[in-house]
Amino acid sequence: MEKNDTHFMKLAVKEARKGLGRTSPNPAVGAVIVKEGRVVASGFHKQAGMPHAEVEAFRKVGNRAPGATLYVTLEPCNHHGKTPPCTELILKSGVKRVVVGMRDPNPLVTGGGCDYLEKKGLEVVTGILEDECIRLNEAFTKFITTGRPFVIAKSAITLDGWTATSAHHSQWITNEKSRHFVHRLRDRVDAVLMGIGTVLADDPAMTARLGAKKGKDPTRIVVDTNFRTPAGAKVMKHDSTAPTIIATSVEGNRSRPDRGKHPKGVETLVCPKQGDKLDLNWLMDKLGEMSITSILVEGGSMILGAMIRAQLIDKFYVFIAPKILGGGDGIPMAAGAGPKTMDDSLGLKDTSVRRFGDDVLICGYPKYQ
């Protein structure tokens, strides 16, 4: 490893981040070409079906590639998909050294690109800023290895632990800076998921509103066992290019008088039940089959509690606002039966803390036993 490898890989990661939220079901990848200590070209994967990051970078490099070093956040592909293998382009370019952030997590192809380039005489270095590259594509890794989406839980609570008042009023617990961050999260995931209780109480639009910058609306998924979503709900009015999915039971679907009369862009997904609720494990498998690689769970407490107990949450974003309801009748972050002892509580690992004005955001990954 050369002393500048970390520096240039950071630039490749920065390139990759430009594609976050736009490349699904592909990973976000960045590439930087360096010659004689200077960046001569860079690129990132912009969208599934479009050129890979390496291709974007080589298009800009001209005749300066021979003898250069290629930095790429993910192992170059060595197989034909919608685009030709990047390894062949790398060999033709005259690049002599390839530095890779992480190997491809796809168990069917991992190592193939790096091994192929080494066999052809190129120097290949792997694992530079590996942890950062893995975090960058944690949703892709979960999806490609399990067939299920990466599930993020987002919640906002008061200092005394409530996410809404006893009257289900929750707007607004957090400040504007925190809410803007949530809209950025929506812009980067494939779908947002909410329970019917949230739809009935708050009537959210669940779109990505980023001010002057145009956001990408995620698919909106409503878990609605008995199909109580009002025809006039914002998720049903659908003034968005993203679809809405009503996940419901056969019984609930049949009981609705206006069944099948949904606006354009709204579809029904009939799910099996587990007890008196939808089978959430089945739903995650089905959404994965639909190439939904990442989901943001935004409420409410019943659906979040069920998702936690089913061990379906992969990452938590919990905002804590400096507000106190001062009572014992609010709505908790997660509802339903919980553990009897603290020893059985769900811990978080790899936690980080950020400030958004007076709000505090705790991010972490669950330690399921």
Protein backbone atom coordinates (compact mmCIF):
# COMPACT_ATOMS: atom_id res chain seq x y z
CA MET A 1 0.00 0.00 0.00
CA GLU A 2 1.30 3.44 -0.91
CA LYS A 3 0.97 6.31 1.56
CA ASN A 4 -1.50 8.21 -0.62
CA ASP A 5 -3.86 5.26 -1.18
CA THR A 6 -6.15 6.27 1.67
CA HIS A 7 -6.32 9.85 0.43
CA PHE A 8 -7.31 8.91 -3.10
CA MET A 9 -9.77 6.25 -1.91
CA LYS A 10 -11.50 8.95 0.13
CA LEU A 11 -11.97 10.85 -3.12
CA ALA A 12 -13.43 7.71 -4.73
CA VAL A 13 -15.86 7.32 -1.82
CA LYS A 14 -16.86 10.96 -2.26
CA GLU A 15 -17.59 10.23 -5.92
CA ALA A 16 -19.63 7.14 -5.01
CA ARG A 17 -21.82 9.13 -2.62
CA LYS A 18 -23.06 11.20 -5.55
CA GLY A 19 -24.99 8.13 -6.73
CA LEU A 20 -26.62 7.21 -3.41
CA GLY A 21 -30.33 6.67 -3.84
CA ARG A 22 -30.10 6.47 -7.62
CA THR A 23 -28.34 3.18 -8.43
CA SER A 24 -30.66 0.56 -6.88
CA PRO A 25 -30.62 -2.40 -7.25
CA ASN A 26 -26.96 -1.78 -8.12
CA PRO A 27 -24.38 -0.52 -5.61
CA ALA A 28 -23.10 3.06 -5.46
CA VAL A 29 -19.54 3.06 -6.80
CA GLY A 30 -16.91 5.74 -7.31
CA ALA A 31 -13.67 5.65 -9.29
CA VAL A 32 -10.62 7.93 -9.44
CA ILE A 33 -7.67 7.65 -11.85
CA VAL A 34 -4.36 8.98 -10.54
CA LYS A 35 -1.10 9.51 -12.43
CA GLU A 36 2.10 10.91 -11.00
CA GLY A 37 0.31 11.86 -7.80
CA ARG A 38 -2.47 13.82 -9.52
CA VAL A 39 -6.12 13.00 -10.16
CA VAL A 40 -6.59 12.96 -13.92
CA ALA A 41 -10.19 11.71 -14.03
CA SER A 42 -13.04 10.55 -11.81
CA GLY A 43 -16.54 9.15 -12.18
CA PHE A 44 -19.41 7.45 -10.40
CA HIS A 45 -22.21 5.04 -11.22
CA LYS A 46 -25.24 7.25 -11.83
CA GLN A 47 -28.09 4.82 -12.30
CA ALA A 48 -28.80 1.13 -12.86
CA GLY A 49 -28.31 0.34 -16.54
CA MET A 50 -25.94 3.26 -17.05
CA PRO A 51 -22.13 2.96 -17.30
CA HIS A 52 -20.21 1.83 -14.25
CA ALA A 53 -17.96 4.21 -12.34
CA GLU A 54 -14.82 2.93 -14.03
CA VAL A 55 -16.32 3.54 -17.48
CA GLU A 56 -17.33 7.08 -16.50
CA ALA A 57 -13.79 7.81 -15.33
CA PHE A 58 -12.04 6.31 -18.37
CA ARG A 59 -14.28 8.34 -20.70
CA LYS A 60 -12.69 11.47 -19.25
CA VAL A 61 -9.07 10.35 -19.01
CA GLY A 62 -8.13 10.53 -22.69
CA ASN A 63 -4.63 9.19 -23.35
CA ARG A 64 -3.40 9.70 -19.78
CA ALA A 65 -4.33 6.23 -18.43
CA PRO A 66 -1.18 4.20 -19.32
CA GLY A 67 0.87 3.69 -16.17
CA ALA A 68 -1.80 5.23 -13.92
CA THR A 69 -3.48 3.87 -10.78
CA LEU A 70 -7.23 3.24 -10.63
CA TYR A 71 -8.96 3.68 -7.29
CA VAL A 72 -12.43 2.12 -7.11
CA THR A 73 -14.65 1.63 -4.07
CA LEU A 74 -15.98 -1.77 -5.20
CA GLU A 75 -14.22 -4.65 -6.94
CA PRO A 76 -14.46 -4.22 -10.74
CA CYS A 77 -16.92 -6.59 -12.36
CA ASN A 78 -15.62 -9.48 -14.44
CA HIS A 79 -18.93 -10.68 -15.86
CA HIS A 80 -21.38 -9.61 -18.52
CA GLY A 81 -24.56 -7.96 -17.19
CA LYS A 82 -26.33 -5.00 -18.71
CA THR A 83 -22.85 -3.66 -19.46
CA PRO A 84 -19.56 -5.36 -20.49
CA PRO A 85 -17.00 -6.38 -17.82
CA CYS A 86 -15.04 -3.45 -16.41
CA THR A 87 -11.95 -5.64 -16.09
CA GLU A 88 -11.52 -5.73 -19.88
CA LEU A 89 -11.70 -1.95 -20.08
CA ILE A 90 -9.13 -1.66 -17.29
CA LEU A 91 -6.73 -3.97 -19.14
CA LYS A 92 -7.12 -2.06 -22.41
CA SER A 93 -6.55 1.29 -20.67
CA GLY A 94 -2.94 0.62 -19.75
CA VAL A 95 -3.52 1.12 -16.02
CA LYS A 96 -0.83 -0.74 -14.09
CA ARG A 97 -2.24 -0.66 -10.57
CA VAL A 98 -5.77 -1.07 -9.18
CA VAL A 99 -6.72 -0.16 -5.60
CA VAL A 100 -10.03 -1.57 -4.38
CA GLY A 101 -12.04 -0.54 -1.35
CA MET A 102 -14.10 -3.72 -0.89
CA ARG A 103 -14.57 -6.96 -2.74
CA ASP A 104 -17.92 -7.61 -4.37
CA PRO A 105 -20.27 -9.04 -1.69
CA ASN A 106 -22.15 -11.09 -4.29
CA PRO A 107 -21.13 -14.66 -3.33
CA LEU A 108 -21.33 -15.71 -6.98
CA VAL A 109 -18.70 -13.24 -8.20
CA THR A 110 -16.64 -12.08 -5.20
CA GLY A 111 -12.94 -12.00 -5.90
CA GLY A 112 -13.35 -12.69 -9.60
CA GLY A 113 -12.46 -9.21 -10.80
CA CYS A 114 -9.41 -8.80 -8.57
CA ASP A 115 -8.09 -12.29 -9.28
CA TYR A 116 -8.52 -11.82 -13.03
CA LEU A 117 -6.62 -8.53 -13.05
CA GLU A 118 -3.79 -10.01 -10.97
CA LYS A 119 -3.49 -12.97 -13.33
CA LYS A 120 -3.14 -10.49 -16.19
CA GLY A 121 -0.16 -8.86 -14.49
CA LEU A 122 -1.70 -5.83 -12.77
CA GLU A 123 -0.87 -4.93 -9.20
CA VAL A 124 -4.09 -5.14 -7.15
CA VAL A 125 -4.47 -3.79 -3.61
CA THR A 126 -7.68 -4.47 -1.67
CA GLY A 127 -9.21 -3.36 1.62
CA ILE A 128 -8.37 0.36 1.50
CA LEU A 129 -11.01 2.18 3.60
CA GLU A 130 -12.88 -1.12 3.53
CA ASP A 131 -15.17 -0.34 6.48
CA GLU A 132 -16.23 2.95 4.92
CA CYS A 133 -16.90 1.29 1.57
CA ILE A 134 -18.93 -1.46 3.25
CA ARG A 135 -21.07 1.09 5.09
CA LEU A 136 -21.58 2.94 1.82
CA ASN A 137 -23.22 -0.12 0.29
CA GLU A 138 -24.70 -1.84 3.34
CA ALA A 139 -28.12 -1.98 1.68
CA PHE A 140 -26.74 -3.57 -1.47
CA THR A 141 -24.76 -6.10 0.57
CA LYS A 142 -27.83 -7.15 2.59
CA PHE A 143 -29.94 -7.44 -0.57
CA ILE A 144 -27.41 -9.35 -2.68
CA THR A 145 -26.62 -11.86 0.09
CA THR A 146 -30.11 -12.45 1.52
CA GLY A 147 -32.58 -11.31 -1.14
CA ARG A 148 -34.18 -8.99 1.44
CA PRO A 149 -34.12 -5.20 1.75
CA PHE A 150 -31.95 -3.39 4.27
CA VAL A 151 -34.37 -1.98 6.85
CA ILE A 152 -33.75 1.32 8.65
CA ALA A 153 -35.92 2.40 11.57
CA LYS A 154 -36.35 6.14 12.10
CA SER A 155 -38.02 7.56 15.19
CA ALA A 156 -38.20 10.83 17.07
CA ILE A 157 -38.79 10.91 20.83
CA THR A 158 -38.99 13.42 23.65
CA LEU A 159 -36.53 13.37 26.54
CA ASP A 160 -39.01 11.31 28.55
CA GLY A 161 -39.35 8.76 25.77
CA TRP A 162 -42.60 9.56 23.94
CA THR A 163 -43.04 9.74 20.18
CA ALA A 164 -46.50 11.35 20.34
CA THR A 165 -49.00 12.65 22.87
CA SER A 166 -51.96 10.63 24.14
CA ALA A 167 -53.98 12.32 21.40
CA HIS A 168 -51.48 10.95 18.82
CA HIS A 169 -50.13 14.44 18.13
CA SER A 170 -46.48 14.30 17.04
CA GLN A 171 -45.88 17.34 14.79
CA TRP A 172 -43.32 18.44 15.50
CA ILE A 173 -41.08 16.72 18.03
CA THR A 174 -37.88 17.56 16.17
CA ASN A 175 -36.64 20.76 14.61
CA GLU A 176 -36.41 21.72 10.95
CA LYS A 177 -32.78 20.59 10.59
CA SER A 178 -33.66 17.10 11.78
CA ARG A 179 -36.65 16.91 9.48
CA HIS A 180 -34.51 17.95 6.52
CA PHE A 181 -32.13 15.07 7.32
CA VAL A 182 -35.10 12.67 7.28
CA HIS A 183 -36.09 13.92 3.83
CA ARG A 184 -32.53 13.20 2.69
CA LEU A 185 -32.93 9.67 4.04
CA ARG A 186 -36.15 9.26 2.06
CA ASP A 187 -34.34 10.49 -1.03
CA ARG A 188 -31.75 7.70 -0.64
CA VAL A 189 -33.93 4.67 0.11
CA ASP A 190 -36.11 2.65 -2.25
CA ALA A 191 -39.17 2.71 -0.01
CA VAL A 192 -40.69 4.06 3.19
CA LEU A 193 -42.92 1.83 5.27
CA MET A 194 -45.60 2.86 7.73
CA GLY A 195 -48.45 1.25 9.61
CA ILE A 196 -52.09 2.11 9.06
CA GLY A 197 -52.13 3.85 12.45
CA THR A 198 -49.72 6.49 11.18
CA VAL A 199 -51.81 7.03 8.04
CA LEU A 200 -55.00 7.50 10.06
CA ALA A 201 -53.40 9.73 12.72
CA ASP A 202 -51.06 11.92 10.64
CA ASP A 203 -52.04 11.46 6.97
CA PRO A 204 -48.39 11.81 5.87
CA ALA A 205 -47.32 12.24 2.25
CA MET A 206 -43.99 10.45 2.85
CA THR A 207 -42.30 12.23 -0.06
CA ALA A 208 -38.76 13.61 -0.23
CA ARG A 209 -38.97 17.38 0.03
CA LEU A 210 -35.52 18.93 -0.28
CA GLY A 211 -36.34 22.53 -1.11
CA ALA A 212 -34.76 23.82 -4.30
CA LYS A 213 -32.98 20.48 -4.83
CA LYS A 214 -35.28 17.94 -6.43
CA GLY A 215 -35.64 14.81 -4.32
CA LYS A 216 -36.48 11.27 -5.38
CA ASP A 217 -39.71 10.06 -3.80
CA PRO A 218 -39.49 6.53 -2.40
CA THR A 219 -42.12 3.86 -2.92
CA ARG A 220 -44.66 4.19 -0.10
CA ILE A 221 -45.68 0.97 1.65
CA VAL A 222 -48.65 0.92 4.04
CA VAL A 223 -49.01 -2.13 6.30
CA ASP A 224 -52.79 -2.26 6.56
CA THR A 225 -54.07 -5.70 7.58
CA ASN A 226 -57.77 -4.87 7.25
CA PHE A 227 -57.49 -2.29 4.46
CA ARG A 228 -58.58 0.81 6.35
CA THR A 229 -56.53 3.29 4.28
CA PRO A 230 -58.94 6.10 3.34
CA ALA A 231 -59.40 6.75 -0.36
CA GLY A 232 -58.59 10.40 0.30
CA ALA A 233 -55.33 9.77 2.18
CA LYS A 234 -52.27 11.57 0.82
CA VAL A 235 -50.57 8.27 0.03
CA MET A 236 -53.64 7.36 -2.08
CA LYS A 237 -54.08 10.72 -3.82
CA HIS A 238 -50.64 10.07 -5.17
CA ASP A 239 -49.28 13.32 -6.53
CA SER A 240 -45.93 11.57 -6.88
CA THR A 241 -44.14 9.57 -9.54
CA ALA A 242 -43.34 6.85 -6.97
CA PRO A 243 -45.89 4.06 -6.45
CA THR A 244 -47.84 3.27 -3.30
CA ILE A 245 -48.24 -0.32 -2.10
CA ILE A 246 -51.02 -1.27 0.31
CA ALA A 247 -49.90 -4.47 2.04
CA THR A 248 -53.06 -6.12 3.31
CA SER A 249 -54.62 -9.50 4.08
CA VAL A 250 -56.96 -11.41 1.77
CA GLU A 251 -59.76 -10.92 4.27
CA GLY A 252 -59.15 -7.21 4.56
CA ASN A 253 -58.84 -6.81 0.81
CA ARG A 254 -62.18 -8.52 0.21
CA SER A 255 -63.96 -6.53 2.91
CA ARG A 256 -63.33 -3.12 1.34
CA PRO A 257 -66.32 -1.89 -0.72
CA ASP A 258 -64.21 0.06 -3.23
CA ARG A 259 -61.66 -2.74 -3.69
CA GLY A 260 -59.79 -2.41 -6.97
CA LYS A 261 -60.74 1.24 -7.51
CA HIS A 262 -57.36 2.68 -6.62
CA PRO A 263 -55.85 5.74 -8.28
CA LYS A 264 -53.12 5.18 -10.84
CA GLY A 265 -49.86 4.25 -9.13
CA VAL A 266 -51.50 2.57 -6.14
CA GLU A 267 -51.43 -1.21 -5.94
CA THR A 268 -52.52 -3.86 -3.47
CA LEU A 269 -50.16 -6.54 -2.20
CA VAL A 270 -52.11 -9.39 -0.62
CA CYS A 271 -50.07 -10.94 2.21
CA PRO A 272 -50.56 -14.00 4.41
CA LYS A 273 -51.22 -13.45 8.09
CA GLN A 274 -49.35 -14.54 11.17
CA GLY A 275 -51.92 -14.57 13.94
CA ASP A 276 -54.09 -11.51 13.45
CA LYS A 277 -51.35 -9.44 11.76
CA LEU A 278 -49.54 -9.56 8.44
CA ASP A 279 -46.58 -11.91 8.15
CA LEU A 280 -43.76 -9.36 8.07
CA ASN A 281 -41.10 -11.91 7.18
CA TRP A 282 -43.11 -12.89 4.11
CA LEU A 283 -43.52 -9.22 3.25
CA MET A 284 -39.76 -8.60 3.42
CA ASP A 285 -39.12 -11.55 1.12
CA LYS A 286 -41.74 -10.30 -1.33
CA LEU A 287 -40.39 -6.75 -1.37
CA GLY A 288 -36.94 -8.16 -2.06
CA GLU A 289 -38.36 -10.06 -5.03
CA MET A 290 -39.63 -6.68 -6.25
CA SER A 291 -36.00 -5.38 -6.18
CA ILE A 292 -36.65 -3.07 -3.24
CA THR A 293 -33.21 -3.02 -1.63
CA SER A 294 -33.73 -0.52 1.20
CA ILE A 295 -36.66 0.53 3.39
CA LEU A 296 -37.08 3.35 5.89
CA VAL A 297 -39.63 2.48 8.60
CA GLU A 298 -41.20 5.75 9.73
CA GLY A 299 -44.01 4.65 12.00
CA GLY A 300 -45.93 4.07 13.98
CA SER A 301 -45.21 2.43 17.29
CA MET A 302 -47.15 -0.79 16.60
CA ILE A 303 -45.39 -1.59 13.32
CA LEU A 304 -41.97 -0.61 14.71
CA GLY A 305 -42.47 -2.81 17.77
CA ALA A 306 -43.49 -5.73 15.57
CA MET A 307 -40.48 -5.21 13.28
CA ILE A 308 -38.09 -5.11 16.26
CA ARG A 309 -39.53 -8.28 17.80
CA ALA A 310 -39.23 -10.03 14.42
CA GLN A 311 -35.57 -8.89 14.24
CA LEU A 312 -36.17 -7.20 10.90
CA ILE A 313 -34.47 -3.87 11.66
CA ASP A 314 -30.89 -3.51 10.40
CA LYS A 315 -30.17 0.06 11.50
CA PHE A 316 -31.66 2.66 13.84
CA TYR A 317 -31.86 6.44 13.57
CA VAL A 318 -33.36 7.80 16.79
CA PHE A 319 -33.78 11.56 17.23
CA ILE A 320 -34.04 12.86 20.79
CA ALA A 321 -35.56 16.32 21.14
CA PRO A 322 -35.24 18.58 24.24
CA LYS A 323 -38.95 18.35 25.04
CA ILE A 324 -40.76 16.73 27.96
CA LEU A 325 -44.42 15.67 27.91
CA GLY A 326 -44.31 15.07 31.65
CA GLY A 327 -47.03 12.43 31.71
CA GLY A 328 -47.43 8.70 31.53
CA ASP A 329 -49.96 8.45 28.72
CA GLY A 330 -47.98 9.26 25.58
CA ILE A 331 -47.31 6.99 22.61
CA PRO A 332 -44.01 5.06 22.92
CA MET A 333 -41.45 4.62 20.18
CA ALA A 334 -42.28 0.90 19.95
CA ALA A 335 -45.49 -0.70 21.21
CA GLY A 336 -46.35 -4.27 22.11
CA ALA A 337 -44.88 -6.78 24.53
CA GLY A 338 -41.32 -6.04 25.52
CA PRO A 339 -38.69 -7.90 27.57
CA LYS A 340 -39.04 -8.30 31.34
CA THR A 341 -35.41 -7.46 32.18
CA MET A 342 -32.80 -5.04 30.91
CA ASP A 343 -30.57 -8.03 30.21
CA ASP A 344 -33.00 -8.96 27.44
CA SER A 345 -33.20 -5.49 25.94
CA LEU A 346 -31.95 -4.83 22.41
CA GLY A 347 -28.53 -3.22 22.42
CA LEU A 348 -26.94 -1.18 19.64
CA LYS A 349 -23.39 -1.42 18.33
CA ASP A 350 -21.20 0.85 16.22
CA THR A 351 -23.16 3.83 17.50
CA SER A 352 -22.58 7.42 16.47
CA VAL A 353 -24.02 10.71 17.73
CA ARG A 354 -24.80 13.85 15.76
CA ARG A 355 -26.31 17.21 16.65
CA PHE A 356 -28.98 18.96 14.63
CA GLY A 357 -29.36 22.22 16.50
CA ASP A 358 -30.82 21.22 19.90
CA ASP A 359 -31.78 17.74 18.66
CA VAL A 360 -29.50 14.73 19.14
CA LEU A 361 -29.42 11.84 16.67
CA ILE A 362 -28.22 8.41 17.79
CA CYS A 363 -27.42 5.99 14.98
CA GLY A 364 -26.57 2.33 15.57
CA TYR A 365 -26.95 -1.27 14.50
CA PRO A 366 -28.95 -3.80 16.54
CA LYS A 367 -27.18 -6.60 18.43
CA TYR A 368 -29.63 -9.44 17.96
CA GLN A 369 -28.86 -12.47 20.10
